[in-house]
Each structure stands twice: as C-alpha cells, then as structure tokens.
Amino acid sequence: MYAQKGYLRGKILDGETGEGLIGATVYQEGTSTGAVADFDGNYSIEAGQNDVLLFSYIGYEPQEIQVNNQTVIHT
C-alpha cells in the first residue's frame, strides 16, 4: 500500500531575525518536486508522511526534516 500524500505548509524563517526568507526552497528528498517560499517565507508542498523535506537558502545551512504526520512545518 502506498503512503497517502497531502499538502504540507509552513514558513521558512531567518533564525536570527525571524523574518521570512523570500525565495528559499523546499524539495522532497530524491525527487524534483519542490516549492519556493513567497514574500513572507510561506510555502506549500505535496508530501507523504514518510518523505524527508530538504530546506535550503543561499548562505544558510540546509536542513532535512522528516514529515511524519505533520501538516505544518516552520523552519
């Protein structure tokens, strides 16, 4: 049986200022499925509970986060 996918949303923020990172990217590990953060750092991506998301932005350390049963992930 395949894991169901759903939409996950969140906000990609600067860890020091708390401001949204315009143009930050989030991708499903091992795929070309991704999204780009909007003006406020918001994103939305389709992902399954077993997926790992890769968050990146120029000049910042990339982050990997397991989706699990989350529907909102802020980073």
Protein backbone atom coordinates (compact mmCIF):
# COMPACT_ATOMS: atom_id res chain seq x y z
CA MET A 1 0.00 0.00 0.00
CA TYR A 2 1.26 3.47 -0.85
CA ALA A 3 1.52 6.25 1.71
CA GLN A 4 -1.03 8.95 1.08
CA LYS A 5 0.20 12.37 0.17
CA GLY A 6 -1.26 15.61 1.38
CA TYR A 7 -0.39 19.27 1.34
CA LEU A 8 2.08 20.49 3.89
CA ARG A 9 2.59 24.18 4.56
CA GLY A 10 4.81 26.32 6.69
CA LYS A 11 7.14 29.25 6.87
CA ILE A 12 10.88 29.39 6.25
CA LEU A 13 12.41 31.95 8.61
CA ASP A 14 15.75 33.56 9.31
CA GLY A 15 16.87 32.10 12.66
CA GLU A 16 18.24 35.40 13.94
CA THR A 17 15.70 37.98 12.76
CA GLY A 18 12.59 35.80 12.47
CA GLU A 19 11.85 37.29 9.05
CA GLY A 20 10.58 35.13 6.18
CA LEU A 21 13.20 34.08 3.62
CA ILE A 22 11.91 35.11 0.19
CA GLY A 23 12.84 32.53 -2.44
CA ALA A 24 14.00 29.82 -0.03
CA THR A 25 13.39 26.35 -1.47
CA VAL A 26 11.94 23.13 -0.12
CA TYR A 27 12.22 19.81 -2.00
CA GLN A 28 11.21 16.22 -1.38
CA GLU A 29 14.43 14.26 -0.95
CA GLY A 30 15.22 12.16 -4.03
CA THR A 31 12.75 13.97 -6.32
CA SER A 32 12.45 17.16 -8.31
CA THR A 33 9.20 18.04 -6.52
CA GLY A 34 9.65 21.35 -4.77
CA ALA A 35 8.34 24.77 -3.82
CA VAL A 36 9.70 28.28 -3.42
CA ALA A 37 8.86 30.48 -0.44
CA ASP A 38 6.82 33.61 -1.14
CA PHE A 39 7.45 37.20 0.00
CA ASP A 40 6.73 36.28 3.65
CA GLY A 41 8.60 32.95 3.61
CA ASN A 42 5.42 30.86 3.24
CA TYR A 43 5.44 27.63 1.22
CA SER A 44 3.11 24.75 0.37
CA ILE A 45 4.20 21.36 -0.96
CA GLU A 46 2.60 17.97 -1.53
CA ALA A 47 4.34 15.31 0.57
CA GLY A 48 3.74 11.93 2.17
CA GLN A 49 4.24 11.08 5.84
CA ASN A 50 7.42 9.09 5.09
CA ASP A 51 9.00 11.83 2.97
CA VAL A 52 12.01 13.90 4.00
CA LEU A 53 11.98 17.57 3.03
CA LEU A 54 15.15 19.50 2.22
CA PHE A 55 15.08 23.22 3.05
CA SER A 56 17.73 25.49 1.57
CA TYR A 57 18.63 29.11 1.03
CA ILE A 58 21.85 30.70 -0.18
CA GLY A 59 24.17 31.46 2.72
CA TYR A 60 22.32 29.19 5.19
CA GLU A 61 22.98 25.61 6.29
CA PRO A 62 20.48 23.24 4.56
CA GLN A 63 18.02 21.38 6.80
CA GLU A 64 16.41 17.94 6.40
CA ILE A 65 13.11 17.32 8.18
CA GLN A 66 11.06 14.09 8.25
CA VAL A 67 7.39 14.85 7.55
CA ASN A 68 5.89 12.13 9.80
CA ASN A 69 2.23 13.11 10.36
CA GLN A 70 2.84 16.85 10.36
CA THR A 71 0.77 19.20 8.20
CA VAL A 72 2.66 22.37 9.20
CA ILE A 73 6.44 22.71 9.40
CA HIS A 74 8.11 26.02 10.22
CA THR A 75 11.87 26.19 9.90
